[in-house]
Amino acid sequence: MFREFFLGFVKIHILHHAADGRGIYGQWMLEELNHHGYRLSPGTLYPILFRLERAGWLESRWEEDHPRVLGRPRRRFYQVTGVGARNARAAVKDLESAFRKVAWG
């Protein structure tokens, strides 16, 4: 059960960063989540990104101006959609409300 809550926070964190206008890519997001104490593997993160995209909360594009230097692959950037941004804001609002109710009785 804890894993489900944990993944919910991870999804909100992903949507938050994907809304900054620059977009996110997997390796950067793994490092950012790690910085905040979330320890995820690529095998956990990428399915989350794909599910958020399939649900219409994220959209992706391949980096166009990144040359293949020393065999480095292009990056896939994700940005939040309008639906994703609205749902993330609603989730944060609901979490804040739930926290107040639980923490303060």
C-alpha atoms as a PDB file:
ATOM      1  CA  MET A   1       0.000   0.000   0.000  1.00  0.00           C
ATOM      2  CA  PHE A   2       2.842   2.387   0.833  1.00  0.00           C
ATOM      3  CA  ARG A   3       4.231   1.913  -2.692  1.00  0.00           C
ATOM      4  CA  GLU A   4       0.984   3.275  -4.168  1.00  0.00           C
ATOM      5  CA  PHE A   5       1.214   6.444  -2.062  1.00  0.00           C
ATOM      6  CA  PHE A   6       4.893   6.781  -2.883  1.00  0.00           C
ATOM      7  CA  LEU A   7       4.232   6.492  -6.627  1.00  0.00           C
ATOM      8  CA  GLY A   8       1.477   9.081  -6.333  1.00  0.00           C
ATOM      9  CA  PHE A   9       3.947  11.588  -4.893  1.00  0.00           C
ATOM     10  CA  VAL A  10       6.434  10.701  -7.611  1.00  0.00           C
ATOM     11  CA  LYS A  11       3.825  11.362 -10.314  1.00  0.00           C
ATOM     12  CA  ILE A  12       2.970  14.760  -8.845  1.00  0.00           C
ATOM     13  CA  HIS A  13       6.669  15.611  -8.667  1.00  0.00           C
ATOM     14  CA  ILE A  14       7.112  14.592 -12.320  1.00  0.00           C
ATOM     15  CA  LEU A  15       4.144  16.701 -13.434  1.00  0.00           C
ATOM     16  CA  HIS A  16       5.429  19.668 -11.421  1.00  0.00           C
ATOM     17  CA  HIS A  17       8.785  19.621 -13.203  1.00  0.00           C
ATOM     18  CA  ALA A  18       7.278  18.841 -16.597  1.00  0.00           C
ATOM     19  CA  ALA A  19       5.241  22.045 -16.274  1.00  0.00           C
ATOM     20  CA  ASP A  20       8.241  24.395 -16.153  1.00  0.00           C
ATOM     21  CA  GLY A  21       8.236  24.977 -19.917  1.00  0.00           C
ATOM     22  CA  ARG A  22      11.592  23.359 -20.624  1.00  0.00           C
ATOM     23  CA  GLY A  23      10.447  19.781 -20.266  1.00  0.00           C
ATOM     24  CA  ILE A  24      12.086  16.865 -18.526  1.00  0.00           C
ATOM     25  CA  TYR A  25      13.866  13.743 -19.676  1.00  0.00           C
ATOM     26  CA  GLY A  26      14.301  10.458 -17.872  1.00  0.00           C
ATOM     27  CA  GLN A  27      17.870  10.633 -16.586  1.00  0.00           C
ATOM     28  CA  TRP A  28      17.422  14.182 -15.326  1.00  0.00           C
ATOM     29  CA  MET A  29      14.183  13.202 -13.596  1.00  0.00           C
ATOM     30  CA  LEU A  30      15.867  10.213 -11.928  1.00  0.00           C
ATOM     31  CA  GLU A  31      18.578  12.525 -10.571  1.00  0.00           C
ATOM     32  CA  GLU A  32      16.034  15.129  -9.435  1.00  0.00           C
ATOM     33  CA  LEU A  33      13.912  12.540  -7.644  1.00  0.00           C
ATOM     34  CA  ASN A  34      17.043  11.076  -6.052  1.00  0.00           C
ATOM     35  CA  HIS A  35      17.947  14.556  -4.797  1.00  0.00           C
ATOM     36  CA  HIS A  36      14.593  14.633  -2.986  1.00  0.00           C
ATOM     37  CA  GLY A  37      15.027  11.188  -1.475  1.00  0.00           C
ATOM     38  CA  TYR A  38      13.087   9.140  -4.012  1.00  0.00           C
ATOM     39  CA  ARG A  39      15.156   6.126  -5.106  1.00  0.00           C
ATOM     40  CA  LEU A  40      13.779   4.935  -8.436  1.00  0.00           C
ATOM     41  CA  SER A  41      15.254   2.780 -11.139  1.00  0.00           C
ATOM     42  CA  PRO A  42      14.758   3.492 -14.845  1.00  0.00           C
ATOM     43  CA  GLY A  43      12.552   0.386 -14.869  1.00  0.00           C
ATOM     44  CA  THR A  44      10.158   2.164 -12.512  1.00  0.00           C
ATOM     45  CA  LEU A  45      10.367   5.699 -13.916  1.00  0.00           C
ATOM     46  CA  TYR A  46       9.929   5.065 -17.629  1.00  0.00           C
ATOM     47  CA  PRO A  47       6.691   3.073 -17.287  1.00  0.00           C
ATOM     48  CA  ILE A  48       5.332   5.942 -15.146  1.00  0.00           C
ATOM     49  CA  LEU A  49       6.251   8.458 -17.876  1.00  0.00           C
ATOM     50  CA  PHE A  50       4.658   6.266 -20.558  1.00  0.00           C
ATOM     51  CA  ARG A  51       1.460   5.804 -18.508  1.00  0.00           C
ATOM     52  CA  LEU A  52       1.185   9.552 -17.843  1.00  0.00           C
ATOM     53  CA  GLU A  53       1.607  10.176 -21.551  1.00  0.00           C
ATOM     54  CA  ARG A  54      -0.938   7.516 -22.515  1.00  0.00           C
ATOM     55  CA  ALA A  55      -3.393   9.082 -20.044  1.00  0.00           C
ATOM     56  CA  GLY A  56      -2.934  12.465 -21.752  1.00  0.00           C
ATOM     57  CA  TRP A  57      -1.211  14.126 -18.784  1.00  0.00           C
ATOM     58  CA  LEU A  58       2.185  14.367 -20.521  1.00  0.00           C
ATOM     59  CA  GLU A  59       3.246  14.757 -24.115  1.00  0.00           C
ATOM     60  CA  SER A  60       6.681  13.926 -25.464  1.00  0.00           C
ATOM     61  CA  ARG A  61       9.005  14.887 -28.269  1.00  0.00           C
ATOM     62  CA  TRP A  62      12.426  13.729 -29.318  1.00  0.00           C
ATOM     63  CA  GLU A  63      15.180  16.263 -28.920  1.00  0.00           C
ATOM     64  CA  GLU A  64      15.778  17.597 -32.418  1.00  0.00           C
ATOM     65  CA  ASP A  65      19.003  19.548 -32.101  1.00  0.00           C
ATOM     66  CA  HIS A  66      20.976  16.996 -30.132  1.00  0.00           C
ATOM     67  CA  PRO A  67      23.571  15.372 -32.385  1.00  0.00           C
ATOM     68  CA  ARG A  68      24.628  11.803 -31.783  1.00  0.00           C
ATOM     69  CA  VAL A  69      27.961  12.558 -30.185  1.00  0.00           C
ATOM     70  CA  LEU A  70      30.040   9.594 -29.068  1.00  0.00           C
ATOM     71  CA  GLY A  71      27.051   7.310 -29.488  1.00  0.00           C
ATOM     72  CA  ARG A  72      24.859   9.283 -27.093  1.00  0.00           C
ATOM     73  CA  PRO A  73      21.216   8.776 -28.081  1.00  0.00           C
ATOM     74  CA  ARG A  74      18.729  11.559 -28.515  1.00  0.00           C
ATOM     75  CA  ARG A  75      16.640  12.450 -25.488  1.00  0.00           C
ATOM     76  CA  ARG A  76      12.897  12.194 -25.226  1.00  0.00           C
ATOM     77  CA  PHE A  77      11.505  15.294 -23.520  1.00  0.00           C
ATOM     78  CA  TYR A  78       8.193  15.301 -21.681  1.00  0.00           C
ATOM     79  CA  GLN A  79       5.983  18.301 -20.980  1.00  0.00           C
ATOM     80  CA  VAL A  80       2.784  18.477 -19.009  1.00  0.00           C
ATOM     81  CA  THR A  81      -0.468  18.951 -20.910  1.00  0.00           C
ATOM     82  CA  GLY A  82      -3.306  21.210 -19.801  1.00  0.00           C
ATOM     83  CA  VAL A  83      -5.160  18.188 -18.440  1.00  0.00           C
ATOM     84  CA  GLY A  84      -2.046  17.009 -16.595  1.00  0.00           C
ATOM     85  CA  ALA A  85      -1.481  20.438 -15.042  1.00  0.00           C
ATOM     86  CA  ARG A  86      -5.103  20.706 -13.884  1.00  0.00           C
ATOM     87  CA  ASN A  87      -5.056  17.204 -12.429  1.00  0.00           C
ATOM     88  CA  ALA A  88      -1.728  17.786 -10.663  1.00  0.00           C
ATOM     89  CA  ARG A  89      -3.009  21.024  -9.098  1.00  0.00           C
ATOM     90  CA  ALA A  90      -6.183  19.252  -7.970  1.00  0.00           C
ATOM     91  CA  ALA A  91      -4.152  16.376  -6.503  1.00  0.00           C
ATOM     92  CA  VAL A  92      -1.920  18.754  -4.541  1.00  0.00           C
ATOM     93  CA  LYS A  93      -4.959  20.608  -3.235  1.00  0.00           C
ATOM     94  CA  ASP A  94      -6.586  17.331  -2.165  1.00  0.00           C
ATOM     95  CA  LEU A  95      -3.365  16.155  -0.501  1.00  0.00           C
ATOM     96  CA  GLU A  96      -3.027  19.418   1.411  1.00  0.00           C
ATOM     97  CA  SER A  97      -6.615  19.113   2.603  1.00  0.00           C
ATOM     98  CA  ALA A  98      -6.178  15.472   3.611  1.00  0.00           C
ATOM     99  CA  PHE A  99      -2.948  16.257   5.435  1.00  0.00           C
ATOM    100  CA  ARG A 100      -4.641  19.021   7.436  1.00  0.00           C
ATOM    101  CA  LYS A 101      -7.475  16.681   8.405  1.00  0.00           C
ATOM    102  CA  VAL A 102      -5.153  13.832   9.424  1.00  0.00           C
ATOM    103  CA  ALA A 103      -2.488  15.969  11.101  1.00  0.00           C
ATOM    104  CA  TRP A 104      -4.830  18.205  13.060  1.00  0.00           C
ATOM    105  CA  GLY A 105      -7.780  15.884  13.589  1.00  0.00           C
END
